């Protein structure tokens, strides 16, 4: 099992999520974050007093895939639909998942 985290420009996230959904990916998390991707324009850039540098509002997409085919397909979709025309439009990170455990009332009961 692999966890995919992708940092994507805000204006591309809807297309990425739509394409992933059309391909059957359902359990996605999308989180609004501040990051340091290269801004597409001056209107996208803000200055963070807390960290003392320019930032943009990015979206962090998270999903879990079982199997190499699933992972490769998710990465392909994110790369294709997350493009902005820049050479670096974002980043995709892939990590190994050690375990996936359910949360529910029957968990841990004897």
N, C-alpha and C. Protein backbone atom coordinates (compact mmCIF):
# COMPACT_ATOMS: atom_id res chain seq x y z
N UNK A 1 0.83 -1.17 0.00
CA UNK A 1 0.00 0.00 0.00
C UNK A 1 0.89 1.24 0.00
N UNK A 2 0.49 2.24 -0.79
CA UNK A 2 1.25 3.49 -0.90
C UNK A 2 0.33 4.67 -0.58
N UNK A 3 0.91 5.66 0.08
CA UNK A 3 0.21 6.92 0.29
C UNK A 3 0.80 7.93 -0.68
N UNK A 4 -0.07 8.62 -1.37
CA UNK A 4 0.35 9.67 -2.29
C UNK A 4 -0.06 11.00 -1.69
N UNK A 5 0.90 11.92 -1.62
CA UNK A 5 0.63 13.30 -1.22
C UNK A 5 1.09 14.17 -2.38
N UNK A 6 0.21 15.03 -2.83
CA UNK A 6 0.56 15.92 -3.94
C UNK A 6 0.24 17.36 -3.54
N UNK A 7 1.19 18.25 -3.82
CA UNK A 7 1.00 19.68 -3.60
C UNK A 7 0.74 20.32 -4.94
N UNK A 8 -0.45 20.91 -5.08
CA UNK A 8 -0.97 21.34 -6.37
C UNK A 8 -1.44 22.79 -6.26
N UNK A 9 -1.28 23.53 -7.34
CA UNK A 9 -1.82 24.89 -7.37
C UNK A 9 -3.33 24.85 -7.22
N UNK A 10 -3.84 25.82 -6.47
CA UNK A 10 -5.26 25.90 -6.17
C UNK A 10 -6.14 25.87 -7.43
N UNK A 11 -5.70 26.51 -8.49
CA UNK A 11 -6.54 26.58 -9.68
C UNK A 11 -6.54 25.28 -10.49
N UNK A 12 -5.78 24.26 -10.09
CA UNK A 12 -5.75 22.98 -10.80
C UNK A 12 -6.42 21.86 -10.03
N UNK A 13 -6.73 22.06 -8.74
CA UNK A 13 -7.19 20.96 -7.90
C UNK A 13 -8.54 20.39 -8.35
N UNK A 14 -9.46 21.23 -8.80
CA UNK A 14 -10.78 20.72 -9.22
C UNK A 14 -10.64 19.74 -10.38
N UNK A 15 -9.81 20.07 -11.36
CA UNK A 15 -9.62 19.17 -12.50
C UNK A 15 -8.96 17.86 -12.07
N UNK A 16 -8.01 17.93 -11.15
CA UNK A 16 -7.33 16.73 -10.66
C UNK A 16 -8.32 15.83 -9.92
N UNK A 17 -9.10 16.41 -9.02
CA UNK A 17 -10.07 15.62 -8.24
C UNK A 17 -11.13 15.01 -9.16
N UNK A 18 -11.61 15.77 -10.12
CA UNK A 18 -12.60 15.27 -11.07
C UNK A 18 -12.05 14.08 -11.86
N UNK A 19 -10.82 14.21 -12.35
CA UNK A 19 -10.20 13.13 -13.13
C UNK A 19 -9.95 11.89 -12.27
N UNK A 20 -9.50 12.08 -11.04
CA UNK A 20 -9.30 10.94 -10.14
C UNK A 20 -10.64 10.25 -9.86
N UNK A 21 -11.69 11.03 -9.62
CA UNK A 21 -13.02 10.46 -9.39
C UNK A 21 -13.52 9.67 -10.58
N UNK A 22 -13.31 10.20 -11.78
CA UNK A 22 -13.72 9.50 -13.00
C UNK A 22 -12.98 8.18 -13.18
N UNK A 23 -11.76 8.10 -12.64
CA UNK A 23 -10.96 6.88 -12.73
C UNK A 23 -11.25 5.91 -11.58
N UNK A 24 -12.18 6.28 -10.69
CA UNK A 24 -12.57 5.38 -9.62
C UNK A 24 -11.94 5.64 -8.27
N UNK A 25 -11.13 6.67 -8.14
CA UNK A 25 -10.53 7.01 -6.85
C UNK A 25 -11.56 7.76 -6.03
N UNK A 26 -11.88 7.25 -4.84
CA UNK A 26 -12.95 7.84 -4.04
C UNK A 26 -12.47 8.42 -2.72
N UNK A 27 -11.56 7.77 -2.04
CA UNK A 27 -11.16 8.21 -0.70
C UNK A 27 -10.00 9.19 -0.80
N UNK A 28 -10.34 10.43 -1.09
CA UNK A 28 -9.35 11.49 -1.23
C UNK A 28 -9.51 12.48 -0.08
N UNK A 29 -8.42 13.08 0.31
CA UNK A 29 -8.46 14.21 1.23
C UNK A 29 -7.83 15.39 0.52
N UNK A 30 -8.44 16.55 0.65
CA UNK A 30 -7.91 17.78 0.06
C UNK A 30 -7.81 18.81 1.18
N UNK A 31 -6.61 19.32 1.39
CA UNK A 31 -6.35 20.23 2.49
C UNK A 31 -5.76 21.53 1.95
N UNK A 32 -6.27 22.64 2.44
CA UNK A 32 -5.78 23.96 2.07
C UNK A 32 -4.51 24.24 2.88
N UNK A 33 -3.40 24.52 2.21
CA UNK A 33 -2.13 24.77 2.90
C UNK A 33 -1.45 26.00 2.32
N UNK A 34 -0.51 26.55 3.06
CA UNK A 34 0.38 27.60 2.55
C UNK A 34 1.68 26.92 2.16
N UNK A 35 2.20 27.26 1.00
CA UNK A 35 3.42 26.63 0.55
C UNK A 35 4.28 27.57 -0.27
N UNK A 36 5.31 27.00 -0.83
CA UNK A 36 6.29 27.81 -1.54
C UNK A 36 6.48 27.38 -2.98
N UNK A 37 5.41 26.83 -3.59
CA UNK A 37 5.48 26.59 -5.03
C UNK A 37 5.68 27.94 -5.72
N UNK A 38 6.25 27.91 -6.89
CA UNK A 38 6.42 29.15 -7.65
C UNK A 38 5.05 29.70 -8.02
N UNK A 39 4.82 30.95 -7.66
CA UNK A 39 3.53 31.59 -7.94
C UNK A 39 3.31 31.72 -9.44
N UNK A 40 2.06 31.54 -9.86
CA UNK A 40 1.71 31.72 -11.27
C UNK A 40 1.66 33.19 -11.64
N UNK A 41 1.47 34.03 -10.66
CA UNK A 41 1.41 35.47 -10.88
C UNK A 41 1.42 36.20 -9.56
N UNK A 42 1.54 37.52 -9.62
CA UNK A 42 1.61 38.32 -8.40
C UNK A 42 0.36 38.17 -7.54
N UNK A 43 -0.81 37.99 -8.16
CA UNK A 43 -2.05 37.87 -7.40
C UNK A 43 -2.11 36.59 -6.57
N UNK A 44 -1.30 35.59 -6.91
CA UNK A 44 -1.29 34.32 -6.17
C UNK A 44 -0.35 34.37 -4.96
N UNK A 45 0.58 35.31 -4.95
CA UNK A 45 1.62 35.38 -3.92
C UNK A 45 1.17 36.24 -2.75
N UNK A 46 1.43 35.75 -1.54
CA UNK A 46 1.23 36.50 -0.31
C UNK A 46 2.54 36.52 0.45
N UNK A 47 2.65 37.41 1.41
CA UNK A 47 3.84 37.43 2.27
C UNK A 47 3.43 36.92 3.64
N UNK A 48 4.15 35.91 4.15
CA UNK A 48 3.87 35.36 5.47
C UNK A 48 4.78 36.02 6.50
N UNK A 49 4.18 36.75 7.42
CA UNK A 49 4.95 37.37 8.49
C UNK A 49 5.54 36.28 9.40
N UNK A 50 4.78 35.19 9.61
CA UNK A 50 5.23 34.12 10.51
C UNK A 50 6.53 33.47 10.04
N UNK A 51 6.67 33.24 8.74
CA UNK A 51 7.89 32.58 8.26
C UNK A 51 8.82 33.51 7.50
N UNK A 52 8.40 34.74 7.29
CA UNK A 52 9.27 35.75 6.72
C UNK A 52 9.59 35.59 5.24
N UNK A 53 8.66 35.08 4.47
CA UNK A 53 8.89 34.92 3.04
C UNK A 53 7.57 34.85 2.29
N UNK A 54 7.66 34.85 0.97
CA UNK A 54 6.48 34.75 0.14
C UNK A 54 5.92 33.33 0.14
N UNK A 55 4.60 33.23 0.14
CA UNK A 55 3.91 31.93 0.09
C UNK A 55 2.73 32.04 -0.86
N UNK A 56 2.22 30.88 -1.24
CA UNK A 56 0.97 30.85 -2.00
C UNK A 56 0.01 29.88 -1.31
N UNK A 57 -1.26 30.01 -1.60
CA UNK A 57 -2.24 29.04 -1.12
C UNK A 57 -2.21 27.87 -2.08
N UNK A 58 -1.81 26.72 -1.57
CA UNK A 58 -1.74 25.49 -2.35
C UNK A 58 -2.78 24.52 -1.81
N UNK A 59 -2.97 23.43 -2.53
CA UNK A 59 -3.83 22.36 -2.07
C UNK A 59 -2.98 21.11 -1.91
N UNK A 60 -3.17 20.42 -0.78
CA UNK A 60 -2.50 19.15 -0.58
C UNK A 60 -3.54 18.06 -0.77
N UNK A 61 -3.28 17.17 -1.72
CA UNK A 61 -4.15 16.05 -2.02
C UNK A 61 -3.53 14.80 -1.42
N UNK A 62 -4.31 14.00 -0.71
CA UNK A 62 -3.81 12.75 -0.14
C UNK A 62 -4.73 11.61 -0.55
N UNK A 63 -4.14 10.47 -0.91
CA UNK A 63 -4.90 9.27 -1.18
C UNK A 63 -4.01 8.05 -0.97
N UNK A 64 -4.65 6.91 -0.77
CA UNK A 64 -3.93 5.65 -0.56
C UNK A 64 -4.27 4.71 -1.71
N UNK A 65 -3.24 4.04 -2.22
CA UNK A 65 -3.40 3.09 -3.32
C UNK A 65 -2.91 1.71 -2.89
N UNK A 66 -3.62 0.69 -3.33
CA UNK A 66 -3.19 -0.69 -3.13
C UNK A 66 -2.71 -1.20 -4.47
N UNK A 67 -1.42 -1.49 -4.58
CA UNK A 67 -0.86 -2.02 -5.81
C UNK A 67 -0.16 -0.97 -6.64
N UNK A 68 0.84 -1.44 -7.39
CA UNK A 68 1.65 -0.55 -8.23
C UNK A 68 0.84 0.06 -9.36
N UNK A 69 -0.11 -0.70 -9.95
CA UNK A 69 -0.92 -0.16 -11.05
C UNK A 69 -1.76 1.02 -10.58
N UNK A 70 -2.36 0.88 -9.40
CA UNK A 70 -3.17 1.96 -8.82
C UNK A 70 -2.32 3.20 -8.59
N UNK A 71 -1.14 3.00 -8.01
CA UNK A 71 -0.24 4.12 -7.72
C UNK A 71 0.19 4.82 -9.00
N UNK A 72 0.60 4.04 -9.99
CA UNK A 72 1.05 4.62 -11.26
C UNK A 72 -0.07 5.39 -11.94
N UNK A 73 -1.29 4.88 -11.89
CA UNK A 73 -2.43 5.56 -12.52
C UNK A 73 -2.76 6.87 -11.80
N UNK A 74 -2.74 6.85 -10.48
CA UNK A 74 -3.01 8.08 -9.72
C UNK A 74 -1.96 9.14 -10.02
N UNK A 75 -0.70 8.75 -10.04
CA UNK A 75 0.39 9.69 -10.33
C UNK A 75 0.23 10.26 -11.74
N UNK A 76 -0.09 9.41 -12.70
CA UNK A 76 -0.28 9.87 -14.08
C UNK A 76 -1.39 10.92 -14.16
N UNK A 77 -2.50 10.64 -13.50
CA UNK A 77 -3.65 11.57 -13.52
C UNK A 77 -3.27 12.90 -12.87
N UNK A 78 -2.60 12.84 -11.73
CA UNK A 78 -2.20 14.07 -11.03
C UNK A 78 -1.24 14.89 -11.90
N UNK A 79 -0.27 14.21 -12.52
CA UNK A 79 0.69 14.92 -13.38
C UNK A 79 0.00 15.54 -14.59
N UNK A 80 -0.90 14.80 -15.19
CA UNK A 80 -1.58 15.30 -16.40
C UNK A 80 -2.51 16.47 -16.10
N UNK A 81 -3.31 16.36 -15.06
CA UNK A 81 -4.33 17.37 -14.77
C UNK A 81 -3.85 18.48 -13.85
N UNK A 82 -2.67 18.32 -13.24
CA UNK A 82 -2.14 19.35 -12.36
C UNK A 82 -1.21 20.33 -13.05
N UNK A 83 -1.01 20.15 -14.35
CA UNK A 83 -0.08 21.02 -15.09
C UNK A 83 -0.56 22.46 -15.11
N UNK A 84 0.41 23.38 -15.02
CA UNK A 84 0.10 24.81 -15.07
C UNK A 84 0.81 25.52 -16.22
N UNK A 85 1.68 24.80 -16.92
CA UNK A 85 2.51 25.43 -17.94
C UNK A 85 3.90 25.75 -17.44
N UNK A 86 4.12 25.62 -16.14
CA UNK A 86 5.45 25.83 -15.56
C UNK A 86 6.20 24.49 -15.58
N UNK A 87 7.53 24.57 -15.53
CA UNK A 87 8.32 23.34 -15.49
C UNK A 87 8.12 22.61 -14.16
N UNK A 88 7.88 23.33 -13.08
CA UNK A 88 7.57 22.74 -11.77
C UNK A 88 6.24 23.29 -11.30
N UNK A 89 5.17 22.51 -11.53
CA UNK A 89 3.83 22.96 -11.17
C UNK A 89 3.39 22.41 -9.82
N UNK A 90 4.22 21.63 -9.17
CA UNK A 90 3.87 21.03 -7.88
C UNK A 90 4.75 19.82 -7.64
N UNK A 91 4.43 19.08 -6.58
CA UNK A 91 5.22 17.91 -6.22
C UNK A 91 4.31 16.77 -5.80
N UNK A 92 4.75 15.56 -6.11
CA UNK A 92 4.05 14.34 -5.70
C UNK A 92 5.03 13.53 -4.85
N UNK A 93 4.58 13.11 -3.67
CA UNK A 93 5.38 12.28 -2.78
C UNK A 93 4.67 10.94 -2.61
N UNK A 94 5.42 9.86 -2.64
CA UNK A 94 4.86 8.52 -2.48
C UNK A 94 5.57 7.86 -1.30
N UNK A 95 4.79 7.37 -0.34
CA UNK A 95 5.33 6.73 0.85
C UNK A 95 4.70 5.36 1.04
N UNK A 96 5.44 4.49 1.68
CA UNK A 96 4.92 3.16 2.03
C UNK A 96 4.00 3.29 3.24
N UNK A 97 2.85 2.61 3.20
CA UNK A 97 1.93 2.59 4.33
C UNK A 97 2.18 1.30 5.10
N UNK A 98 2.48 1.41 6.38
CA UNK A 98 2.78 0.24 7.21
C UNK A 98 1.52 -0.54 7.57
N UNK A 99 0.43 0.18 7.81
CA UNK A 99 -0.82 -0.48 8.18
C UNK A 99 -1.98 0.47 7.90
N UNK A 100 -3.15 -0.11 7.70
CA UNK A 100 -4.39 0.65 7.56
C UNK A 100 -5.41 -0.01 8.49
N UNK A 101 -5.85 0.71 9.49
CA UNK A 101 -6.72 0.14 10.51
C UNK A 101 -8.06 0.87 10.53
N UNK A 102 -9.15 0.13 10.63
CA UNK A 102 -10.47 0.77 10.64
C UNK A 102 -10.74 1.45 11.99
N UNK A 103 -11.60 2.44 11.95
CA UNK A 103 -12.09 3.08 13.16
C UNK A 103 -13.57 2.72 13.25
N UNK A 104 -13.97 2.15 14.34
CA UNK A 104 -15.39 1.77 14.48
C UNK A 104 -15.63 1.17 15.84
N UNK A 105 -16.91 0.99 16.16
CA UNK A 105 -17.30 0.49 17.48
C UNK A 105 -16.87 -0.95 17.69
N UNK A 106 -16.79 -1.76 16.65
CA UNK A 106 -16.45 -3.16 16.83
C UNK A 106 -14.94 -3.39 16.95
N UNK A 107 -14.14 -2.36 16.70
CA UNK A 107 -12.69 -2.50 16.77
C UNK A 107 -12.26 -2.68 18.21
N UNK A 108 -11.48 -3.71 18.49
CA UNK A 108 -10.91 -3.93 19.80
C UNK A 108 -11.86 -4.55 20.81
N UNK A 109 -13.11 -4.80 20.44
CA UNK A 109 -14.05 -5.44 21.36
C UNK A 109 -13.89 -6.95 21.30
N UNK A 110 -14.07 -7.62 22.45
CA UNK A 110 -13.96 -9.08 22.49
C UNK A 110 -15.33 -9.71 22.46
